[in-house]
Amino acid sequence: MANIISKEPDYQILKCLIVDDELVAVKDIISNIEQISFLKVEDTCSSAIEAAEILKKKEIDLMFLDINMPYLSGLEFLESLDKAPLTILSTAYSEYALEGYRLNVIDYLLKPVAFQRFFQAVQKAQGIFQTQILLQKNVENTQSTMYIRQGDSFQKIIWEDILFVEGMQNYLKLHLKNNTFVIHQTMTSLEEMLPKESFCRIHRSFLVNIYQIDKVSGGRLFINKNELPISKPRREELLNSAVYKNLISK
């Protein structure tokens, strides 16, 4: 059983970029940020074009992005980025919410934004950011463990104990033999941090531990009595991988 680490690591300050063509909205976000100790305004701009240049020059951890802007909307801009910072959308219109979550935004705020709602969104961003730091440190130190946030504590998990990962919008379910944990993380970012020789993406919503696979049959994959879908291209990729071939030859 993995143990709980009760002492949280020191939090880093999130450097923020505000992208909004309404001056009043920009001032409101700045005012809210100034009340929160773990946030800092790094820059502001009024268009996606300006934001693209800022992201090239500066390290931004959290972006507050308006949707309705001239030339390029916030959603179009977000979709154009290869690697976007954590993003909170803000708009006066609710009809874009579903599209926003498809792009893995942290939260969707309707203007005018109450401070309580703003604080709720940035706390979520802080949790995801902290998880990313912990996962990255794990990769850099080539350790076999990770730490995930569970309430006010951090849970230690051994990579090898993970059976598979299930994607649910901007949440992930980590399935272990005797437990399941939910974390705020995107599948792509977690996949980049996991050891590639051990984990394989078999479907848009599933990432599996190759060493835990029991059987592959047709378009299904079996792990510890769990039946998962596997896409045809991913199936061929898995079956032809050196690691899998080595396992089935034993």
C-alpha atoms as a PDB file:
ATOM      1  CA  MET A   1       0.000   0.000   0.000  1.00  0.00           C
ATOM      2  CA  ALA A   2       1.386   3.401  -0.954  1.00  0.00           C
ATOM      3  CA  ASN A   3       1.917   5.761   1.946  1.00  0.00           C
ATOM      4  CA  ILE A   4       0.555   9.291   2.484  1.00  0.00           C
ATOM      5  CA  ILE A   5       2.912  12.241   2.583  1.00  0.00           C
ATOM      6  CA  SER A   6       1.193  14.683   4.929  1.00  0.00           C
ATOM      7  CA  LYS A   7       3.549  17.614   4.460  1.00  0.00           C
ATOM      8  CA  GLU A   8       2.859  19.472   1.222  1.00  0.00           C
ATOM      9  CA  PRO A   9       5.777  20.751  -0.844  1.00  0.00           C
ATOM     10  CA  ASP A  10       6.300  24.484  -1.091  1.00  0.00           C
ATOM     11  CA  TYR A  11       4.018  26.054  -3.667  1.00  0.00           C
ATOM     12  CA  GLN A  12       5.435  28.024  -6.540  1.00  0.00           C
ATOM     13  CA  ILE A  13       3.886  31.262  -7.697  1.00  0.00           C
ATOM     14  CA  LEU A  14       1.991  30.916 -10.984  1.00  0.00           C
ATOM     15  CA  LYS A  15       2.977  33.532 -13.561  1.00  0.00           C
ATOM     16  CA  CYS A  16      -0.203  34.749 -15.257  1.00  0.00           C
ATOM     17  CA  LEU A  17      -1.014  36.173 -18.680  1.00  0.00           C
ATOM     18  CA  ILE A  18      -4.313  38.022 -19.154  1.00  0.00           C
ATOM     19  CA  VAL A  19      -5.635  38.092 -22.735  1.00  0.00           C
ATOM     20  CA  ASP A  20      -8.739  40.268 -23.062  1.00  0.00           C
ATOM     21  CA  ASP A  21      -9.719  43.222 -25.242  1.00  0.00           C
ATOM     22  CA  GLU A  22     -11.957  44.708 -22.527  1.00  0.00           C
ATOM     23  CA  LEU A  23      -9.971  46.999 -20.233  1.00  0.00           C
ATOM     24  CA  VAL A  24     -12.515  46.680 -17.417  1.00  0.00           C
ATOM     25  CA  ALA A  25     -12.255  42.884 -17.518  1.00  0.00           C
ATOM     26  CA  VAL A  26      -8.453  43.068 -17.434  1.00  0.00           C
ATOM     27  CA  LYS A  27      -8.532  45.364 -14.417  1.00  0.00           C
ATOM     28  CA  ASP A  28     -10.974  43.050 -12.622  1.00  0.00           C
ATOM     29  CA  ILE A  29      -8.734  40.020 -13.155  1.00  0.00           C
ATOM     30  CA  ILE A  30      -5.656  41.955 -12.015  1.00  0.00           C
ATOM     31  CA  SER A  31      -7.537  43.049  -8.883  1.00  0.00           C
ATOM     32  CA  ASN A  32      -8.493  39.441  -8.134  1.00  0.00           C
ATOM     33  CA  ILE A  33      -4.971  38.158  -8.744  1.00  0.00           C
ATOM     34  CA  GLU A  34      -3.534  40.732  -6.366  1.00  0.00           C
ATOM     35  CA  GLN A  35      -5.608  39.185  -3.550  1.00  0.00           C
ATOM     36  CA  ILE A  36      -4.109  35.711  -4.064  1.00  0.00           C
ATOM     37  CA  SER A  37      -0.623  34.908  -2.799  1.00  0.00           C
ATOM     38  CA  PHE A  38       0.202  32.159  -5.301  1.00  0.00           C
ATOM     39  CA  LEU A  39      -0.574  34.255  -8.408  1.00  0.00           C
ATOM     40  CA  LYS A  40       1.434  36.986 -10.142  1.00  0.00           C
ATOM     41  CA  VAL A  41       0.551  39.060 -13.213  1.00  0.00           C
ATOM     42  CA  GLU A  42       3.370  38.499 -15.695  1.00  0.00           C
ATOM     43  CA  ASP A  43       1.796  40.342 -18.637  1.00  0.00           C
ATOM     44  CA  THR A  44      -1.460  41.493 -20.222  1.00  0.00           C
ATOM     45  CA  CYS A  45      -2.557  41.997 -23.841  1.00  0.00           C
ATOM     46  CA  SER A  46      -5.697  42.649 -25.848  1.00  0.00           C
ATOM     47  CA  SER A  47      -5.473  40.065 -28.650  1.00  0.00           C
ATOM     48  CA  ALA A  48      -4.501  36.482 -29.406  1.00  0.00           C
ATOM     49  CA  ILE A  49      -1.856  37.750 -31.832  1.00  0.00           C
ATOM     50  CA  GLU A  50      -0.096  39.651 -29.035  1.00  0.00           C
ATOM     51  CA  ALA A  51      -0.506  36.672 -26.712  1.00  0.00           C
ATOM     52  CA  ALA A  52       1.267  34.373 -29.174  1.00  0.00           C
ATOM     53  CA  GLU A  53       4.320  36.660 -29.137  1.00  0.00           C
ATOM     54  CA  ILE A  54       4.324  36.874 -25.344  1.00  0.00           C
ATOM     55  CA  LEU A  55       4.215  33.077 -25.014  1.00  0.00           C
ATOM     56  CA  LYS A  56       7.288  32.834 -27.248  1.00  0.00           C
ATOM     57  CA  LYS A  57       9.272  35.196 -25.031  1.00  0.00           C
ATOM     58  CA  LYS A  58       8.021  34.544 -21.510  1.00  0.00           C
ATOM     59  CA  GLU A  59       7.317  31.565 -19.288  1.00  0.00           C
ATOM     60  CA  ILE A  60       3.595  31.623 -18.524  1.00  0.00           C
ATOM     61  CA  ASP A  61       2.011  29.156 -16.108  1.00  0.00           C
ATOM     62  CA  LEU A  62      -1.626  30.278 -16.216  1.00  0.00           C
ATOM     63  CA  MET A  63      -3.495  32.150 -18.945  1.00  0.00           C
ATOM     64  CA  PHE A  64      -6.796  33.979 -18.485  1.00  0.00           C
ATOM     65  CA  LEU A  65      -8.254  33.996 -21.979  1.00  0.00           C
ATOM     66  CA  ASP A  66     -11.250  35.880 -23.328  1.00  0.00           C
ATOM     67  CA  ILE A  67     -13.163  34.160 -26.128  1.00  0.00           C
ATOM     68  CA  ASN A  68     -14.604  37.014 -28.181  1.00  0.00           C
ATOM     69  CA  MET A  69     -11.665  38.988 -29.550  1.00  0.00           C
ATOM     70  CA  PRO A  70     -10.908  40.554 -32.948  1.00  0.00           C
ATOM     71  CA  TYR A  71      -9.148  38.584 -35.739  1.00  0.00           C
ATOM     72  CA  LEU A  72      -8.667  35.389 -33.753  1.00  0.00           C
ATOM     73  CA  SER A  73     -11.018  34.132 -31.035  1.00  0.00           C
ATOM     74  CA  GLY A  74      -9.717  32.733 -27.781  1.00  0.00           C
ATOM     75  CA  LEU A  75     -10.833  29.220 -28.752  1.00  0.00           C
ATOM     76  CA  GLU A  76      -9.154  29.434 -32.175  1.00  0.00           C
ATOM     77  CA  PHE A  77      -5.984  30.689 -30.528  1.00  0.00           C
ATOM     78  CA  LEU A  78      -5.997  27.933 -27.909  1.00  0.00           C
ATOM     79  CA  GLU A  79      -6.486  25.265 -30.574  1.00  0.00           C
ATOM     80  CA  SER A  80      -3.541  26.636 -32.555  1.00  0.00           C
ATOM     81  CA  LEU A  81      -1.059  26.193 -29.679  1.00  0.00           C
ATOM     82  CA  ASP A  82       1.109  23.078 -29.611  1.00  0.00           C
ATOM     83  CA  LYS A  83       1.643  23.413 -25.890  1.00  0.00           C
ATOM     84  CA  ALA A  84      -0.677  25.820 -24.143  1.00  0.00           C
ATOM     85  CA  PRO A  85      -0.228  26.966 -20.549  1.00  0.00           C
ATOM     86  CA  LEU A  86      -2.948  26.109 -18.053  1.00  0.00           C
ATOM     87  CA  THR A  87      -5.925  28.125 -19.262  1.00  0.00           C
ATOM     88  CA  ILE A  88      -9.043  29.604 -17.689  1.00  0.00           C
ATOM     89  CA  LEU A  89     -11.560  30.941 -20.198  1.00  0.00           C
ATOM     90  CA  SER A  90     -13.644  34.013 -19.482  1.00  0.00           C
ATOM     91  CA  THR A  91     -16.594  35.244 -21.533  1.00  0.00           C
ATOM     92  CA  ALA A  92     -20.026  36.803 -21.298  1.00  0.00           C
ATOM     93  CA  TYR A  93     -21.528  33.901 -23.269  1.00  0.00           C
ATOM     94  CA  SER A  94     -22.236  30.411 -21.927  1.00  0.00           C
ATOM     95  CA  GLU A  95     -22.643  28.605 -25.263  1.00  0.00           C
ATOM     96  CA  TYR A  96     -18.887  28.046 -25.687  1.00  0.00           C
ATOM     97  CA  ALA A  97     -18.457  26.047 -22.473  1.00  0.00           C
ATOM     98  CA  LEU A  98     -18.517  22.596 -24.100  1.00  0.00           C
ATOM     99  CA  GLU A  99     -15.992  23.590 -26.760  1.00  0.00           C
ATOM    100  CA  GLY A 100     -13.749  25.046 -24.070  1.00  0.00           C
ATOM    101  CA  TYR A 101     -13.650  21.839 -22.064  1.00  0.00           C
ATOM    102  CA  ARG A 102     -12.890  19.891 -25.243  1.00  0.00           C
ATOM    103  CA  LEU A 103      -9.672  21.911 -25.347  1.00  0.00           C
ATOM    104  CA  ASN A 104      -8.841  20.872 -21.762  1.00  0.00           C
ATOM    105  CA  VAL A 105      -9.296  24.277 -20.149  1.00  0.00           C
ATOM    106  CA  ILE A 106      -9.104  24.398 -16.366  1.00  0.00           C
ATOM    107  CA  ASP A 107     -12.351  26.306 -15.916  1.00  0.00           C
ATOM    108  CA  TYR A 108     -14.906  28.453 -17.711  1.00  0.00           C
ATOM    109  CA  LEU A 109     -15.884  31.740 -16.071  1.00  0.00           C
ATOM    110  CA  LEU A 110     -18.888  33.826 -17.057  1.00  0.00           C
ATOM    111  CA  LYS A 111     -18.498  37.609 -16.843  1.00  0.00           C
ATOM    112  CA  PRO A 112     -18.930  39.420 -14.559  1.00  0.00           C
ATOM    113  CA  VAL A 113     -16.928  37.003 -12.417  1.00  0.00           C
ATOM    114  CA  ALA A 114     -17.506  36.920  -8.664  1.00  0.00           C
ATOM    115  CA  PHE A 115     -14.312  36.638  -6.595  1.00  0.00           C
ATOM    116  CA  GLN A 116     -15.475  33.388  -4.963  1.00  0.00           C
ATOM    117  CA  ARG A 117     -15.905  31.779  -8.395  1.00  0.00           C
ATOM    118  CA  PHE A 118     -12.542  33.162  -9.526  1.00  0.00           C
ATOM    119  CA  PHE A 119     -10.812  31.786  -6.433  1.00  0.00           C
ATOM    120  CA  GLN A 120     -12.376  28.358  -6.999  1.00  0.00           C
ATOM    121  CA  ALA A 121     -10.993  28.279 -10.556  1.00  0.00           C
ATOM    122  CA  VAL A 122      -7.457  29.329  -9.640  1.00  0.00           C
ATOM    123  CA  GLN A 123      -7.320  26.842  -6.769  1.00  0.00           C
ATOM    124  CA  LYS A 124      -8.064  24.133  -9.321  1.00  0.00           C
ATOM    125  CA  ALA A 125      -5.283  25.515 -11.535  1.00  0.00           C
ATOM    126  CA  GLN A 126      -2.874  25.540  -8.585  1.00  0.00           C
ATOM    127  CA  GLY A 127      -3.623  21.888  -7.847  1.00  0.00           C
ATOM    128  CA  ILE A 128      -2.981  20.837 -11.446  1.00  0.00           C
ATOM    129  CA  PHE A 129       0.178  22.941 -11.639  1.00  0.00           C
ATOM    130  CA  GLN A 130       1.540  21.395  -8.441  1.00  0.00           C
ATOM    131  CA  THR A 131       0.792  17.908  -9.748  1.00  0.00           C
ATOM    132  CA  GLN A 132       2.663  18.680 -12.972  1.00  0.00           C
ATOM    133  CA  ILE A 133       5.702  19.869 -10.999  1.00  0.00           C
ATOM    134  CA  LEU A 134       5.733  16.708  -8.916  1.00  0.00           C
ATOM    135  CA  LEU A 135       5.403  14.499 -11.991  1.00  0.00           C
ATOM    136  CA  GLN A 136       8.157  16.393 -13.795  1.00  0.00           C
ATOM    137  CA  LYS A 137      10.479  16.070 -10.804  1.00  0.00           C
ATOM    138  CA  ASN A 138       9.789  12.369 -10.843  1.00  0.00           C
ATOM    139  CA  VAL A 139      10.871  12.149 -14.485  1.00  0.00           C
ATOM    140  CA  GLU A 140      13.960  14.281 -13.959  1.00  0.00           C
ATOM    141  CA  ASN A 141      15.053  12.174 -10.992  1.00  0.00           C
ATOM    142  CA  THR A 142      14.297   8.922 -12.883  1.00  0.00           C
ATOM    143  CA  GLN A 143      12.456   7.660  -9.814  1.00  0.00           C
ATOM    144  CA  SER A 144       9.769   4.988  -9.908  1.00  0.00           C
ATOM    145  CA  THR A 145       7.274   6.944  -7.811  1.00  0.00           C
ATOM    146  CA  MET A 146       4.884   9.851  -8.203  1.00  0.00           C
ATOM    147  CA  TYR A 147       2.879  11.995  -5.811  1.00  0.00           C
ATOM    148  CA  ILE A 148      -0.744  12.892  -6.434  1.00  0.00           C
ATOM    149  CA  ARG A 149      -2.927  15.268  -4.510  1.00  0.00           C
ATOM    150  CA  GLN A 150      -5.719  13.707  -2.458  1.00  0.00           C
ATOM    151  CA  GLY A 151      -7.552  16.358  -0.432  1.00  0.00           C
ATOM    152  CA  ASP A 152      -5.047  18.066   1.871  1.00  0.00           C
ATOM    153  CA  SER A 153      -2.399  15.352   1.466  1.00  0.00           C
ATOM    154  CA  PHE A 154      -0.185  13.868  -1.207  1.00  0.00           C
ATOM    155  CA  GLN A 155      -0.421  10.181  -2.058  1.00  0.00           C
ATOM    156  CA  LYS A 156       2.705   8.329  -3.129  1.00  0.00           C
ATOM    157  CA  ILE A 157       2.196   5.929  -6.038  1.00  0.00           C
ATOM    158  CA  ILE A 158       4.670   3.539  -7.640  1.00  0.00           C
ATOM    159  CA  TRP A 159       4.583   3.642 -11.455  1.00  0.00           C
ATOM    160  CA  GLU A 160       4.657  -0.142 -11.716  1.00  0.00           C
ATOM    161  CA  ASP A 161       1.466  -0.449  -9.636  1.00  0.00           C
ATOM    162  CA  ILE A 162      -0.614   1.431 -12.222  1.00  0.00           C
ATOM    163  CA  LEU A 163      -2.689  -0.967 -14.353  1.00  0.00           C
ATOM    164  CA  PHE A 164      -4.111   1.630 -16.712  1.00  0.00           C
ATOM    165  CA  VAL A 165      -5.150   5.274 -16.918  1.00  0.00           C
ATOM    166  CA  GLU A 166      -8.646   6.319 -17.998  1.00  0.00           C
ATOM    167  CA  GLY A 167      -9.281   9.797 -19.394  1.00  0.00           C
ATOM    168  CA  MET A 168     -12.366  11.816 -18.404  1.00  0.00           C
ATOM    169  CA  GLN A 169     -12.241  15.354 -19.907  1.00  0.00           C
ATOM    170  CA  ASN A 170      -9.582  17.181 -17.847  1.00  0.00           C
ATOM    171  CA  TYR A 171      -9.554  14.489 -15.161  1.00  0.00           C
ATOM    172  CA  LEU A 172      -7.763  11.148 -15.143  1.00  0.00           C
ATOM    173  CA  LYS A 173      -8.520   7.937 -13.262  1.00  0.00           C
ATOM    174  CA  LEU A 174      -5.464   5.960 -12.195  1.00  0.00           C
ATOM    175  CA  HIS A 175      -6.490   2.311 -11.839  1.00  0.00           C
ATOM    176  CA  LEU A 176      -4.366   0.189  -9.513  1.00  0.00           C
ATOM    177  CA  LYS A 177      -5.034  -3.401  -8.425  1.00  0.00           C
ATOM    178  CA  ASN A 178      -6.644  -2.413  -5.130  1.00  0.00           C
ATOM    179  CA  ASN A 179      -7.441   1.262  -5.545  1.00  0.00           C
ATOM    180  CA  THR A 180      -8.440   4.039  -7.933  1.00  0.00           C
ATOM    181  CA  PHE A 181      -7.326   7.679  -7.767  1.00  0.00           C
ATOM    182  CA  VAL A 182      -8.673  10.709  -9.638  1.00  0.00           C
ATOM    183  CA  ILE A 183      -6.301  13.533 -10.573  1.00  0.00           C
ATOM    184  CA  HIS A 184      -6.539  16.841 -12.457  1.00  0.00           C
ATOM    185  CA  GLN A 185      -4.286  16.181 -15.421  1.00  0.00           C
ATOM    186  CA  THR A 186      -4.517  15.762 -19.182  1.00  0.00           C
ATOM    187  CA  MET A 187      -3.767  12.409 -20.776  1.00  0.00           C
ATOM    188  CA  THR A 188      -1.153  13.906 -23.096  1.00  0.00           C
ATOM    189  CA  SER A 189       0.865  15.557 -20.325  1.00  0.00           C
ATOM    190  CA  LEU A 190       0.829  12.427 -18.162  1.00  0.00           C
ATOM    191  CA  GLU A 191       1.807  10.262 -21.134  1.00  0.00           C
ATOM    192  CA  GLU A 192       4.849  12.470 -21.727  1.00  0.00           C
ATOM    193  CA  MET A 193       5.978  11.966 -18.135  1.00  0.00           C
ATOM    194  CA  LEU A 194       5.458   8.221 -17.817  1.00  0.00           C
ATOM    195  CA  PRO A 195       8.289   5.872 -18.865  1.00  0.00           C
ATOM    196  CA  LYS A 196       7.657   5.154 -22.558  1.00  0.00           C
ATOM    197  CA  GLU A 197       9.098   1.651 -22.321  1.00  0.00           C
ATOM    198  CA  SER A 198       6.378   0.724 -19.810  1.00  0.00           C
ATOM    199  CA  PHE A 199       3.243   2.593 -20.909  1.00  0.00           C
ATOM    200  CA  CYS A 200       1.368   2.629 -24.204  1.00  0.00           C
ATOM    201  CA  ARG A 201      -1.603   4.687 -25.402  1.00  0.00           C
ATOM    202  CA  ILE A 202      -4.139   2.210 -26.788  1.00  0.00           C
ATOM    203  CA  HIS A 203      -7.064   4.575 -27.304  1.00  0.00           C
ATOM    204  CA  ARG A 204      -7.883   8.260 -27.026  1.00  0.00           C
ATOM    205  CA  SER A 205      -9.173   7.598 -23.499  1.00  0.00           C
ATOM    206  CA  PHE A 206      -6.852   4.821 -22.292  1.00  0.00           C
ATOM    207  CA  LEU A 207      -3.173   4.481 -21.436  1.00  0.00           C
ATOM    208  CA  VAL A 208      -1.995   1.076 -20.226  1.00  0.00           C
ATOM    209  CA  ASN A 209       0.951  -0.416 -18.389  1.00  0.00           C
ATOM    210  CA  ILE A 210       2.369  -2.900 -20.941  1.00  0.00           C
ATOM    211  CA  TYR A 211       3.707  -5.139 -18.170  1.00  0.00           C
ATOM    212  CA  GLN A 212       0.185  -5.536 -16.731  1.00  0.00           C
ATOM    213  CA  ILE A 213      -1.502  -6.687 -19.975  1.00  0.00           C
ATOM    214  CA  ASP A 214      -3.101 -10.141 -19.722  1.00  0.00           C
ATOM    215  CA  LYS A 215      -4.317 -10.521 -23.306  1.00  0.00           C
ATOM    216  CA  VAL A 216      -4.993  -8.697 -26.568  1.00  0.00           C
ATOM    217  CA  SER A 217      -7.881 -10.086 -28.590  1.00  0.00           C
ATOM    218  CA  GLY A 218      -9.298  -8.344 -31.647  1.00  0.00           C
ATOM    219  CA  GLY A 219     -10.233  -4.819 -30.700  1.00  0.00           C
ATOM    220  CA  ARG A 220     -10.112  -5.481 -26.958  1.00  0.00           C
ATOM    221  CA  LEU A 221      -7.335  -5.525 -24.393  1.00  0.00           C
ATOM    222  CA  PHE A 222      -7.571  -7.242 -20.993  1.00  0.00           C
ATOM    223  CA  ILE A 223      -5.874  -6.127 -17.774  1.00  0.00           C
ATOM    224  CA  ASN A 224      -6.709  -7.616 -14.370  1.00  0.00           C
ATOM    225  CA  LYS A 225     -10.302  -8.514 -15.408  1.00  0.00           C
ATOM    226  CA  ASN A 226     -10.797  -5.099 -17.056  1.00  0.00           C
ATOM    227  CA  GLU A 227     -11.754  -5.090 -20.735  1.00  0.00           C
ATOM    228  CA  LEU A 228     -10.554  -2.004 -22.615  1.00  0.00           C
ATOM    229  CA  PRO A 229     -10.985  -0.863 -26.233  1.00  0.00           C
ATOM    230  CA  ILE A 230      -7.895  -0.690 -28.415  1.00  0.00           C
ATOM    231  CA  SER A 231      -7.885   1.143 -31.741  1.00  0.00           C
ATOM    232  CA  LYS A 232      -6.543  -0.679 -34.807  1.00  0.00           C
ATOM    233  CA  PRO A 233      -3.455   1.552 -35.314  1.00  0.00           C
ATOM    234  CA  ARG A 234      -2.604   1.401 -31.601  1.00  0.00           C
ATOM    235  CA  ARG A 235      -3.051  -2.384 -31.592  1.00  0.00           C
ATOM    236  CA  GLU A 236      -0.506  -2.791 -34.386  1.00  0.00           C
ATOM    237  CA  GLU A 237       1.871  -0.420 -32.640  1.00  0.00           C
ATOM    238  CA  LEU A 238       1.599  -2.370 -29.376  1.00  0.00           C
ATOM    239  CA  LEU A 239       1.944  -5.832 -30.959  1.00  0.00           C
ATOM    240  CA  ASN A 240       5.032  -4.707 -32.860  1.00  0.00           C
ATOM    241  CA  SER A 241       6.714  -3.066 -29.879  1.00  0.00           C
ATOM    242  CA  ALA A 242       9.903  -4.689 -28.644  1.00  0.00           C
ATOM    243  CA  VAL A 243       8.723  -4.661 -25.019  1.00  0.00           C
ATOM    244  CA  TYR A 244       5.465  -6.510 -25.773  1.00  0.00           C
ATOM    245  CA  LYS A 245       7.157  -9.026 -28.057  1.00  0.00           C
ATOM    246  CA  ASN A 246       9.675  -9.744 -25.332  1.00  0.00           C
ATOM    247  CA  LEU A 247       6.925 -10.267 -22.738  1.00  0.00           C
ATOM    248  CA  ILE A 248       4.863 -12.731 -24.805  1.00  0.00           C
ATOM    249  CA  SER A 249       7.956 -14.700 -25.770  1.00  0.00           C
ATOM    250  CA  LYS A 250       8.668 -15.577 -22.133  1.00  0.00           C
END
